[in-house]
mmCIF file of all heavy atoms, coordinates in Angstrom:
data_MODEL
# 
_entry.id   MODEL 
# 
loop_
_atom_site.group_PDB 
_atom_site.id 
_atom_site.type_symbol 
_atom_site.label_atom_id 
_atom_site.label_alt_id 
_atom_site.label_comp_id 
_atom_site.label_asym_id 
_atom_site.label_entity_id 
_atom_site.label_seq_id 
_atom_site.pdbx_PDB_ins_code 
_atom_site.Cartn_x 
_atom_site.Cartn_y 
_atom_site.Cartn_z 
_atom_site.occupancy 
_atom_site.B_iso_or_equiv 
_atom_site.pdbx_formal_charge 
_atom_site.auth_seq_id 
_atom_site.auth_comp_id 
_atom_site.auth_asym_id 
_atom_site.auth_atom_id 
_atom_site.pdbx_PDB_model_num 
ATOM 1   N N   . HIS A 1 1  ? -0.488 36.652 28.700 1.00 0.00 ? 1  HIS A N   1 
ATOM 2   C CA  . HIS A 1 1  ? -0.085 37.435 27.584 1.00 0.00 ? 1  HIS A CA  1 
ATOM 3   C C   . HIS A 1 1  ? -0.148 38.923 28.051 1.00 0.00 ? 1  HIS A C   1 
ATOM 4   O O   . HIS A 1 1  ? -1.111 39.305 28.507 1.00 0.00 ? 1  HIS A O   1 
ATOM 5   C CB  . HIS A 1 1  ? -0.919 37.181 26.369 1.00 0.00 ? 1  HIS A CB  1 
ATOM 6   C CG  . HIS A 1 1  ? -0.726 38.118 25.272 1.00 0.00 ? 1  HIS A CG  1 
ATOM 7   N ND1 . HIS A 1 1  ? -1.677 39.025 24.763 1.00 0.00 ? 1  HIS A ND1 1 
ATOM 8   C CD2 . HIS A 1 1  ? 0.369  38.329 24.425 1.00 0.00 ? 1  HIS A CD2 1 
ATOM 9   C CE1 . HIS A 1 1  ? -1.147 39.712 23.761 1.00 0.00 ? 1  HIS A CE1 1 
ATOM 10  N NE2 . HIS A 1 1  ? 0.128  39.379 23.587 1.00 0.00 ? 1  HIS A NE2 1 
ATOM 11  N N   . SER A 1 2  ? 0.758  39.670 27.797 1.00 0.00 ? 2  SER A N   1 
ATOM 12  C CA  . SER A 1 2  ? 0.915  41.173 27.816 1.00 0.00 ? 2  SER A CA  1 
ATOM 13  C C   . SER A 1 2  ? 0.724  41.428 29.330 1.00 0.00 ? 2  SER A C   1 
ATOM 14  O O   . SER A 1 2  ? 1.573  41.057 30.165 1.00 0.00 ? 2  SER A O   1 
ATOM 15  C CB  . SER A 1 2  ? -0.262 41.809 26.963 1.00 0.00 ? 2  SER A CB  1 
ATOM 16  O OG  . SER A 1 2  ? -0.090 43.286 26.943 1.00 0.00 ? 2  SER A OG  1 
ATOM 17  N N   . GLN A 1 3  ? -0.424 42.197 29.814 1.00 0.00 ? 3  GLN A N   1 
ATOM 18  C CA  . GLN A 1 3  ? -0.573 42.292 31.168 1.00 0.00 ? 3  GLN A CA  1 
ATOM 19  C C   . GLN A 1 3  ? -0.593 40.930 31.846 1.00 0.00 ? 3  GLN A C   1 
ATOM 20  O O   . GLN A 1 3  ? -0.093 40.814 32.974 1.00 0.00 ? 3  GLN A O   1 
ATOM 21  C CB  . GLN A 1 3  ? -1.866 43.014 31.429 1.00 0.00 ? 3  GLN A CB  1 
ATOM 22  C CG  . GLN A 1 3  ? -2.193 43.195 33.002 1.00 0.00 ? 3  GLN A CG  1 
ATOM 23  C CD  . GLN A 1 3  ? -3.695 43.544 33.250 1.00 0.00 ? 3  GLN A CD  1 
ATOM 24  O OE1 . GLN A 1 3  ? -4.475 43.633 32.425 1.00 0.00 ? 3  GLN A OE1 1 
ATOM 25  N NE2 . GLN A 1 3  ? -3.901 43.609 34.608 1.00 0.00 ? 3  GLN A NE2 1 
ATOM 26  N N   . GLY A 1 4  ? -1.293 40.021 31.282 1.00 0.00 ? 4  GLY A N   1 
ATOM 27  C CA  . GLY A 1 4  ? -1.323 38.636 31.694 1.00 0.00 ? 4  GLY A CA  1 
ATOM 28  C C   . GLY A 1 4  ? 0.015  37.894 31.894 1.00 0.00 ? 4  GLY A C   1 
ATOM 29  O O   . GLY A 1 4  ? 0.238  37.176 32.656 1.00 0.00 ? 4  GLY A O   1 
ATOM 30  N N   . GLY A 1 5  ? 0.990  38.393 30.969 1.00 0.00 ? 5  GLY A N   1 
ATOM 31  C CA  . GLY A 1 5  ? 2.241  37.843 30.984 1.00 0.00 ? 5  GLY A CA  1 
ATOM 32  C C   . GLY A 1 5  ? 2.981  38.337 32.247 1.00 0.00 ? 5  GLY A C   1 
ATOM 33  O O   . GLY A 1 5  ? 3.747  37.583 33.013 1.00 0.00 ? 5  GLY A O   1 
ATOM 34  N N   . HIS A 1 6  ? 2.851  39.623 32.607 1.00 0.00 ? 6  HIS A N   1 
ATOM 35  C CA  . HIS A 1 6  ? 3.299  40.230 33.907 1.00 0.00 ? 6  HIS A CA  1 
ATOM 36  C C   . HIS A 1 6  ? 2.534  39.412 35.054 1.00 0.00 ? 6  HIS A C   1 
ATOM 37  O O   . HIS A 1 6  ? 3.370  39.080 35.963 1.00 0.00 ? 6  HIS A O   1 
ATOM 38  C CB  . HIS A 1 6  ? 2.891  41.647 33.917 1.00 0.00 ? 6  HIS A CB  1 
ATOM 39  C CG  . HIS A 1 6  ? 3.191  42.361 35.105 1.00 0.00 ? 6  HIS A CG  1 
ATOM 40  N ND1 . HIS A 1 6  ? 2.307  42.603 36.108 1.00 0.00 ? 6  HIS A ND1 1 
ATOM 41  C CD2 . HIS A 1 6  ? 4.352  43.051 35.480 1.00 0.00 ? 6  HIS A CD2 1 
ATOM 42  C CE1 . HIS A 1 6  ? 2.954  43.334 37.113 1.00 0.00 ? 6  HIS A CE1 1 
ATOM 43  N NE2 . HIS A 1 6  ? 4.252  43.657 36.708 1.00 0.00 ? 6  HIS A NE2 1 
ATOM 44  N N   . ALA A 1 7  ? 1.339  39.203 34.965 1.00 0.00 ? 7  ALA A N   1 
ATOM 45  C CA  . ALA A 1 7  ? 0.658  38.499 36.069 1.00 0.00 ? 7  ALA A CA  1 
ATOM 46  C C   . ALA A 1 7  ? 1.078  37.067 36.253 1.00 0.00 ? 7  ALA A C   1 
ATOM 47  O O   . ALA A 1 7  ? 1.198  36.595 37.333 1.00 0.00 ? 7  ALA A O   1 
ATOM 48  C CB  . ALA A 1 7  ? -0.910 38.598 35.748 1.00 0.00 ? 7  ALA A CB  1 
ATOM 49  N N   . ALA A 1 8  ? 1.426  36.491 35.108 1.00 0.00 ? 8  ALA A N   1 
ATOM 50  C CA  . ALA A 1 8  ? 1.901  35.008 35.129 1.00 0.00 ? 8  ALA A CA  1 
ATOM 51  C C   . ALA A 1 8  ? 3.288  35.031 35.781 1.00 0.00 ? 8  ALA A C   1 
ATOM 52  O O   . ALA A 1 8  ? 3.424  34.068 36.717 1.00 0.00 ? 8  ALA A O   1 
ATOM 53  C CB  . ALA A 1 8  ? 1.925  34.377 33.674 1.00 0.00 ? 8  ALA A CB  1 
ATOM 54  N N   . LEU A 1 9  ? 4.132  35.861 35.592 1.00 0.00 ? 9  LEU A N   1 
ATOM 55  C CA  . LEU A 1 9  ? 5.373  35.895 36.203 1.00 0.00 ? 9  LEU A CA  1 
ATOM 56  C C   . LEU A 1 9  ? 5.284  36.196 37.638 1.00 0.00 ? 9  LEU A C   1 
ATOM 57  O O   . LEU A 1 9  ? 5.952  35.448 38.483 1.00 0.00 ? 9  LEU A O   1 
ATOM 58  C CB  . LEU A 1 9  ? 6.382  36.885 35.467 1.00 0.00 ? 9  LEU A CB  1 
ATOM 59  C CG  . LEU A 1 9  ? 6.810  36.659 34.072 1.00 0.00 ? 9  LEU A CG  1 
ATOM 60  C CD1 . LEU A 1 9  ? 7.502  37.801 33.449 1.00 0.00 ? 9  LEU A CD1 1 
ATOM 61  C CD2 . LEU A 1 9  ? 7.601  35.412 33.984 1.00 0.00 ? 9  LEU A CD2 1 
ATOM 62  N N   . TRP A 1 10 ? 4.431  37.112 38.039 1.00 0.00 ? 10 TRP A N   1 
ATOM 63  C CA  . TRP A 1 10 ? 4.284  37.354 39.380 1.00 0.00 ? 10 TRP A CA  1 
ATOM 64  C C   . TRP A 1 10 ? 3.476  36.211 40.127 1.00 0.00 ? 10 TRP A C   1 
ATOM 65  O O   . TRP A 1 10 ? 3.689  36.047 41.322 1.00 0.00 ? 10 TRP A O   1 
ATOM 66  C CB  . TRP A 1 10 ? 3.358  38.632 39.642 1.00 0.00 ? 10 TRP A CB  1 
ATOM 67  C CG  . TRP A 1 10 ? 4.275  39.874 39.631 1.00 0.00 ? 10 TRP A CG  1 
ATOM 68  C CD1 . TRP A 1 10 ? 4.587  40.778 38.705 1.00 0.00 ? 10 TRP A CD1 1 
ATOM 69  C CD2 . TRP A 1 10 ? 4.946  40.289 40.819 1.00 0.00 ? 10 TRP A CD2 1 
ATOM 70  N NE1 . TRP A 1 10 ? 5.436  41.696 39.182 1.00 0.00 ? 10 TRP A NE1 1 
ATOM 71  C CE2 . TRP A 1 10 ? 5.768  41.475 40.590 1.00 0.00 ? 10 TRP A CE2 1 
ATOM 72  C CE3 . TRP A 1 10 ? 5.085  39.884 42.177 1.00 0.00 ? 10 TRP A CE3 1 
ATOM 73  C CZ2 . TRP A 1 10 ? 6.500  42.147 41.384 1.00 0.00 ? 10 TRP A CZ2 1 
ATOM 74  C CZ3 . TRP A 1 10 ? 5.900  40.523 43.066 1.00 0.00 ? 10 TRP A CZ3 1 
ATOM 75  C CH2 . TRP A 1 10 ? 6.457  41.687 42.680 1.00 0.00 ? 10 TRP A CH2 1 
ATOM 76  N N   . THR A 1 11 ? 2.683  35.357 39.334 1.00 0.00 ? 11 THR A N   1 
ATOM 77  C CA  . THR A 1 11 ? 2.035  34.266 39.995 1.00 0.00 ? 11 THR A CA  1 
ATOM 78  C C   . THR A 1 11 ? 3.147  33.235 40.418 1.00 0.00 ? 11 THR A C   1 
ATOM 79  O O   . THR A 1 11 ? 3.074  32.627 41.503 1.00 0.00 ? 11 THR A O   1 
ATOM 80  C CB  . THR A 1 11 ? 1.048  33.690 39.095 1.00 0.00 ? 11 THR A CB  1 
ATOM 81  O OG1 . THR A 1 11 ? 0.044  34.645 38.711 1.00 0.00 ? 11 THR A OG1 1 
ATOM 82  C CG2 . THR A 1 11 ? 0.439  32.321 39.613 1.00 0.00 ? 11 THR A CG2 1 
ATOM 83  N N   . GLY A 1 12 ? 4.139  33.135 39.488 1.00 0.00 ? 12 GLY A N   1 
ATOM 84  C CA  . GLY A 1 12 ? 5.183  32.205 39.949 1.00 0.00 ? 12 GLY A CA  1 
ATOM 85  C C   . GLY A 1 12 ? 6.097  32.774 41.083 1.00 0.00 ? 12 GLY A C   1 
ATOM 86  O O   . GLY A 1 12 ? 6.572  31.900 41.842 1.00 0.00 ? 12 GLY A O   1 
ATOM 87  N N   . ILE A 1 13 ? 6.248  34.042 41.125 1.00 0.00 ? 13 ILE A N   1 
ATOM 88  C CA  . ILE A 1 13 ? 6.937  34.605 42.252 1.00 0.00 ? 13 ILE A CA  1 
ATOM 89  C C   . ILE A 1 13 ? 6.242  34.445 43.571 1.00 0.00 ? 13 ILE A C   1 
ATOM 90  O O   . ILE A 1 13 ? 6.892  34.034 44.575 1.00 0.00 ? 13 ILE A O   1 
ATOM 91  C CB  . ILE A 1 13 ? 7.236  36.094 42.038 1.00 0.00 ? 13 ILE A CB  1 
ATOM 92  C CG1 . ILE A 1 13 ? 8.239  36.296 40.808 1.00 0.00 ? 13 ILE A CG1 1 
ATOM 93  C CG2 . ILE A 1 13 ? 7.793  36.814 43.237 1.00 0.00 ? 13 ILE A CG2 1 
ATOM 94  C CD1 . ILE A 1 13 ? 8.340  37.644 40.273 1.00 0.00 ? 13 ILE A CD1 1 
ATOM 95  N N   . LEU A 1 14 ? 4.903  34.752 43.535 1.00 0.00 ? 14 LEU A N   1 
ATOM 96  C CA  . LEU A 1 14 ? 4.180  34.730 44.748 1.00 0.00 ? 14 LEU A CA  1 
ATOM 97  C C   . LEU A 1 14 ? 3.596  33.456 45.315 1.00 0.00 ? 14 LEU A C   1 
ATOM 98  O O   . LEU A 1 14 ? 3.312  33.319 46.543 1.00 0.00 ? 14 LEU A O   1 
ATOM 99  C CB  . LEU A 1 14 ? 2.934  35.787 44.543 1.00 0.00 ? 14 LEU A CB  1 
ATOM 100 C CG  . LEU A 1 14 ? 2.314  36.305 45.826 1.00 0.00 ? 14 LEU A CG  1 
ATOM 101 C CD1 . LEU A 1 14 ? 3.179  37.220 46.628 1.00 0.00 ? 14 LEU A CD1 1 
ATOM 102 C CD2 . LEU A 1 14 ? 1.112  36.966 45.534 1.00 0.00 ? 14 LEU A CD2 1 
ATOM 103 N N   . ALA A 1 15 ? 3.552  32.344 44.390 1.00 0.00 ? 15 ALA A N   1 
ATOM 104 C CA  . ALA A 1 15 ? 2.965  31.137 44.731 1.00 0.00 ? 15 ALA A CA  1 
ATOM 105 C C   . ALA A 1 15 ? 3.502  30.541 46.087 1.00 0.00 ? 15 ALA A C   1 
ATOM 106 O O   . ALA A 1 15 ? 2.750  30.112 46.926 1.00 0.00 ? 15 ALA A O   1 
ATOM 107 C CB  . ALA A 1 15 ? 2.991  30.107 43.651 1.00 0.00 ? 15 ALA A CB  1 
ATOM 108 N N   . PRO A 1 16 ? 4.827  30.512 46.216 1.00 0.00 ? 16 PRO A N   1 
ATOM 109 C CA  . PRO A 1 16 ? 5.304  29.896 47.363 1.00 0.00 ? 16 PRO A CA  1 
ATOM 110 C C   . PRO A 1 16 ? 4.983  30.546 48.766 1.00 0.00 ? 16 PRO A C   1 
ATOM 111 O O   . PRO A 1 16 ? 4.988  29.914 49.769 1.00 0.00 ? 16 PRO A O   1 
ATOM 112 C CB  . PRO A 1 16 ? 6.883  29.765 47.146 1.00 0.00 ? 16 PRO A CB  1 
ATOM 113 C CG  . PRO A 1 16 ? 6.941  29.954 45.681 1.00 0.00 ? 16 PRO A CG  1 
ATOM 114 C CD  . PRO A 1 16 ? 5.895  30.847 45.268 1.00 0.00 ? 16 PRO A CD  1 
ATOM 115 N N   . ILE A 1 17 ? 4.639  31.811 48.568 1.00 0.00 ? 17 ILE A N   1 
ATOM 116 C CA  . ILE A 1 17 ? 4.346  32.575 49.753 1.00 0.00 ? 17 ILE A CA  1 
ATOM 117 C C   . ILE A 1 17 ? 2.847  32.640 50.025 1.00 0.00 ? 17 ILE A C   1 
ATOM 118 O O   . ILE A 1 17 ? 2.414  32.289 51.236 1.00 0.00 ? 17 ILE A O   1 
ATOM 119 C CB  . ILE A 1 17 ? 4.880  34.055 49.631 1.00 0.00 ? 17 ILE A CB  1 
ATOM 120 C CG1 . ILE A 1 17 ? 6.378  34.136 49.305 1.00 0.00 ? 17 ILE A CG1 1 
ATOM 121 C CG2 . ILE A 1 17 ? 4.577  34.906 50.786 1.00 0.00 ? 17 ILE A CG2 1 
ATOM 122 C CD1 . ILE A 1 17 ? 6.956  35.377 48.792 1.00 0.00 ? 17 ILE A CD1 1 
ATOM 123 N N   . TYR A 1 18 ? 2.172  32.904 48.948 1.00 0.00 ? 18 TYR A N   1 
ATOM 124 C CA  . TYR A 1 18 ? 0.675  33.126 49.146 1.00 0.00 ? 18 TYR A CA  1 
ATOM 125 C C   . TYR A 1 18 ? -0.182 31.773 49.045 1.00 0.00 ? 18 TYR A C   1 
ATOM 126 O O   . TYR A 1 18 ? -1.177 31.688 49.773 1.00 0.00 ? 18 TYR A O   1 
ATOM 127 C CB  . TYR A 1 18 ? 0.141  34.027 48.000 1.00 0.00 ? 18 TYR A CB  1 
ATOM 128 C CG  . TYR A 1 18 ? -1.284 34.449 48.227 1.00 0.00 ? 18 TYR A CG  1 
ATOM 129 C CD1 . TYR A 1 18 ? -1.753 35.303 49.144 1.00 0.00 ? 18 TYR A CD1 1 
ATOM 130 C CD2 . TYR A 1 18 ? -2.242 33.847 47.267 1.00 0.00 ? 18 TYR A CD2 1 
ATOM 131 C CE1 . TYR A 1 18 ? -3.074 35.686 49.225 1.00 0.00 ? 18 TYR A CE1 1 
ATOM 132 C CE2 . TYR A 1 18 ? -3.590 34.230 47.373 1.00 0.00 ? 18 TYR A CE2 1 
ATOM 133 C CZ  . TYR A 1 18 ? -3.947 35.069 48.334 1.00 0.00 ? 18 TYR A CZ  1 
ATOM 134 O OH  . TYR A 1 18 ? -5.380 35.361 48.475 1.00 0.00 ? 18 TYR A OH  1 
ATOM 135 N N   . ALA A 1 19 ? 0.239  30.867 48.288 1.00 0.00 ? 19 ALA A N   1 
ATOM 136 C CA  . ALA A 1 19 ? -0.448 29.640 48.065 1.00 0.00 ? 19 ALA A CA  1 
ATOM 137 C C   . ALA A 1 19 ? 0.488  28.433 47.978 1.00 0.00 ? 19 ALA A C   1 
ATOM 138 O O   . ALA A 1 19 ? 0.597  27.785 46.972 1.00 0.00 ? 19 ALA A O   1 
ATOM 139 C CB  . ALA A 1 19 ? -1.371 29.719 46.803 1.00 0.00 ? 19 ALA A CB  1 
ATOM 140 N N   . PRO A 1 20 ? 1.207  28.202 49.098 1.00 0.00 ? 20 PRO A N   1 
ATOM 141 C CA  . PRO A 1 20 ? 2.313  27.148 48.997 1.00 0.00 ? 20 PRO A CA  1 
ATOM 142 C C   . PRO A 1 20 ? 1.600  25.845 48.843 1.00 0.00 ? 20 PRO A C   1 
ATOM 143 O O   . PRO A 1 20 ? 2.410  24.916 48.366 1.00 0.00 ? 20 PRO A O   1 
ATOM 144 C CB  . PRO A 1 20 ? 2.867  27.183 50.418 1.00 0.00 ? 20 PRO A CB  1 
ATOM 145 C CG  . PRO A 1 20 ? 1.886  27.884 51.307 1.00 0.00 ? 20 PRO A CG  1 
ATOM 146 C CD  . PRO A 1 20 ? 1.033  28.803 50.385 1.00 0.00 ? 20 PRO A CD  1 
ATOM 147 N N   . GLU A 1 21 ? 0.441  25.553 48.994 1.00 0.00 ? 21 GLU A N   1 
ATOM 148 C CA  . GLU A 1 21 ? -0.164 24.217 48.697 1.00 0.00 ? 21 GLU A CA  1 
ATOM 149 C C   . GLU A 1 21 ? -0.353 23.934 47.264 1.00 0.00 ? 21 GLU A C   1 
ATOM 150 O O   . GLU A 1 21 ? -0.574 22.780 46.920 1.00 0.00 ? 21 GLU A O   1 
ATOM 151 C CB  . GLU A 1 21 ? -1.536 24.080 49.499 1.00 0.00 ? 21 GLU A CB  1 
ATOM 152 C CG  . GLU A 1 21 ? -2.746 24.774 48.871 1.00 0.00 ? 21 GLU A CG  1 
ATOM 153 C CD  . GLU A 1 21 ? -2.800 26.350 48.993 1.00 0.00 ? 21 GLU A CD  1 
ATOM 154 O OE1 . GLU A 1 21 ? -1.820 26.899 49.495 1.00 0.00 ? 21 GLU A OE1 1 
ATOM 155 O OE2 . GLU A 1 21 ? -3.753 26.818 48.507 1.00 0.00 ? 21 GLU A OE2 1 
ATOM 156 N N   . LEU A 1 22 ? -0.315 24.887 46.455 1.00 0.00 ? 22 LEU A N   1 
ATOM 157 C CA  . LEU A 1 22 ? -0.525 24.714 44.991 1.00 0.00 ? 22 LEU A CA  1 
ATOM 158 C C   . LEU A 1 22 ? 0.687  24.275 44.357 1.00 0.00 ? 22 LEU A C   1 
ATOM 159 O O   . LEU A 1 22 ? 1.822  24.817 44.558 1.00 0.00 ? 22 LEU A O   1 
ATOM 160 C CB  . LEU A 1 22 ? -1.085 26.068 44.363 1.00 0.00 ? 22 LEU A CB  1 
ATOM 161 C CG  . LEU A 1 22 ? -2.545 26.500 44.698 1.00 0.00 ? 22 LEU A CG  1 
ATOM 162 C CD1 . LEU A 1 22 ? -2.799 27.770 43.958 1.00 0.00 ? 22 LEU A CD1 1 
ATOM 163 C CD2 . LEU A 1 22 ? -3.424 25.467 44.618 1.00 0.00 ? 22 LEU A CD2 1 
ATOM 164 N N   . LYS A 1 23 ? 0.571  23.292 43.543 1.00 0.00 ? 23 LYS A N   1 
ATOM 165 C CA  . LYS A 1 23 ? 1.844  22.880 42.706 1.00 0.00 ? 23 LYS A CA  1 
ATOM 166 C C   . LYS A 1 23 ? 1.676  23.447 41.290 1.00 0.00 ? 23 LYS A C   1 
ATOM 167 O O   . LYS A 1 23 ? 0.907  23.175 40.522 1.00 0.00 ? 23 LYS A O   1 
ATOM 168 C CB  . LYS A 1 23 ? 1.825  21.298 42.526 1.00 0.00 ? 23 LYS A CB  1 
ATOM 169 C CG  . LYS A 1 23 ? 2.948  20.668 41.757 1.00 0.00 ? 23 LYS A CG  1 
ATOM 170 C CD  . LYS A 1 23 ? 2.898  19.298 41.755 1.00 0.00 ? 23 LYS A CD  1 
ATOM 171 C CE  . LYS A 1 23 ? 3.872  18.769 40.613 1.00 0.00 ? 23 LYS A CE  1 
ATOM 172 N NZ  . LYS A 1 23 ? 5.240  19.208 40.672 1.00 0.00 ? 23 LYS A NZ  1 
ATOM 173 N N   . LEU A 1 24 ? 2.736  24.393 41.114 1.00 0.00 ? 24 LEU A N   1 
ATOM 174 C CA  . LEU A 1 24 ? 2.902  25.001 39.748 1.00 0.00 ? 24 LEU A CA  1 
ATOM 175 C C   . LEU A 1 24 ? 3.905  24.276 39.058 1.00 0.00 ? 24 LEU A C   1 
ATOM 176 O O   . LEU A 1 24 ? 5.040  24.070 39.582 1.00 0.00 ? 24 LEU A O   1 
ATOM 177 C CB  . LEU A 1 24 ? 3.055  26.426 39.741 1.00 0.00 ? 24 LEU A CB  1 
ATOM 178 C CG  . LEU A 1 24 ? 2.083  27.379 40.455 1.00 0.00 ? 24 LEU A CG  1 
ATOM 179 C CD1 . LEU A 1 24 ? 2.489  28.887 40.329 1.00 0.00 ? 24 LEU A CD1 1 
ATOM 180 C CD2 . LEU A 1 24 ? 0.676  27.160 39.970 1.00 0.00 ? 24 LEU A CD2 1 
ATOM 181 N N   . ASP A 1 25 ? 3.651  23.791 37.777 1.00 0.00 ? 25 ASP A N   1 
ATOM 182 C CA  . ASP A 1 25 ? 4.649  23.090 36.940 1.00 0.00 ? 25 ASP A CA  1 
ATOM 183 C C   . ASP A 1 25 ? 5.354  23.878 35.933 1.00 0.00 ? 25 ASP A C   1 
ATOM 184 O O   . ASP A 1 25 ? 6.305  23.539 35.408 1.00 0.00 ? 25 ASP A O   1 
ATOM 185 C CB  . ASP A 1 25 ? 4.030  21.913 36.198 1.00 0.00 ? 25 ASP A CB  1 
ATOM 186 C CG  . ASP A 1 25 ? 3.445  20.846 37.281 1.00 0.00 ? 25 ASP A CG  1 
ATOM 187 O OD1 . ASP A 1 25 ? 4.183  20.116 37.792 1.00 0.00 ? 25 ASP A OD1 1 
ATOM 188 O OD2 . ASP A 1 25 ? 2.164  20.869 37.537 1.00 0.00 ? 25 ASP A OD2 1 
ATOM 189 N N   . GLY A 1 26 ? 4.885  25.151 35.771 1.00 0.00 ? 26 GLY A N   1 
ATOM 190 C CA  . GLY A 1 26 ? 5.519  26.048 34.736 1.00 0.00 ? 26 GLY A CA  1 
ATOM 191 C C   . GLY A 1 26 ? 4.840  27.304 34.608 1.00 0.00 ? 26 GLY A C   1 
ATOM 192 O O   . GLY A 1 26 ? 3.655  27.475 34.879 1.00 0.00 ? 26 GLY A O   1 
ATOM 193 N N   . ILE A 1 27 ? 5.577  28.312 34.026 1.00 0.00 ? 27 ILE A N   1 
ATOM 194 C CA  . ILE A 1 27 ? 5.037  29.636 33.727 1.00 0.00 ? 27 ILE A CA  1 
ATOM 195 C C   . ILE A 1 27 ? 5.346  29.945 32.318 1.00 0.00 ? 27 ILE A C   1 
ATOM 196 O O   . ILE A 1 27 ? 6.573  30.046 31.936 1.00 0.00 ? 27 ILE A O   1 
ATOM 197 C CB  . ILE A 1 27 ? 5.605  30.738 34.653 1.00 0.00 ? 27 ILE A CB  1 
ATOM 198 C CG1 . ILE A 1 27 ? 5.316  30.428 36.165 1.00 0.00 ? 27 ILE A CG1 1 
ATOM 199 C CG2 . ILE A 1 27 ? 4.958  32.205 34.271 1.00 0.00 ? 27 ILE A CG2 1 
ATOM 200 C CD1 . ILE A 1 27 ? 4.020  30.455 36.718 1.00 0.00 ? 27 ILE A CD1 1 
ATOM 201 N N   . SER A 1 28 ? 4.372  30.153 31.481 1.00 0.00 ? 28 SER A N   1 
ATOM 202 C CA  . SER A 1 28 ? 4.595  30.574 30.063 1.00 0.00 ? 28 SER A CA  1 
ATOM 203 C C   . SER A 1 28 ? 4.051  31.993 29.935 1.00 0.00 ? 28 SER A C   1 
ATOM 204 O O   . SER A 1 28 ? 2.781  32.228 30.077 1.00 0.00 ? 28 SER A O   1 
ATOM 205 C CB  . SER A 1 28 ? 3.889  29.619 29.056 1.00 0.00 ? 28 SER A CB  1 
ATOM 206 O OG  . SER A 1 28 ? 4.222  30.090 27.761 1.00 0.00 ? 28 SER A OG  1 
# 
């Protein structure tokens, strides 16, 4: 939420590069 909403979107962007072993199923 808010700053965390920004962080959540960036988490979705960066995951394949920084933590490719993690399986993310969605970003809210």
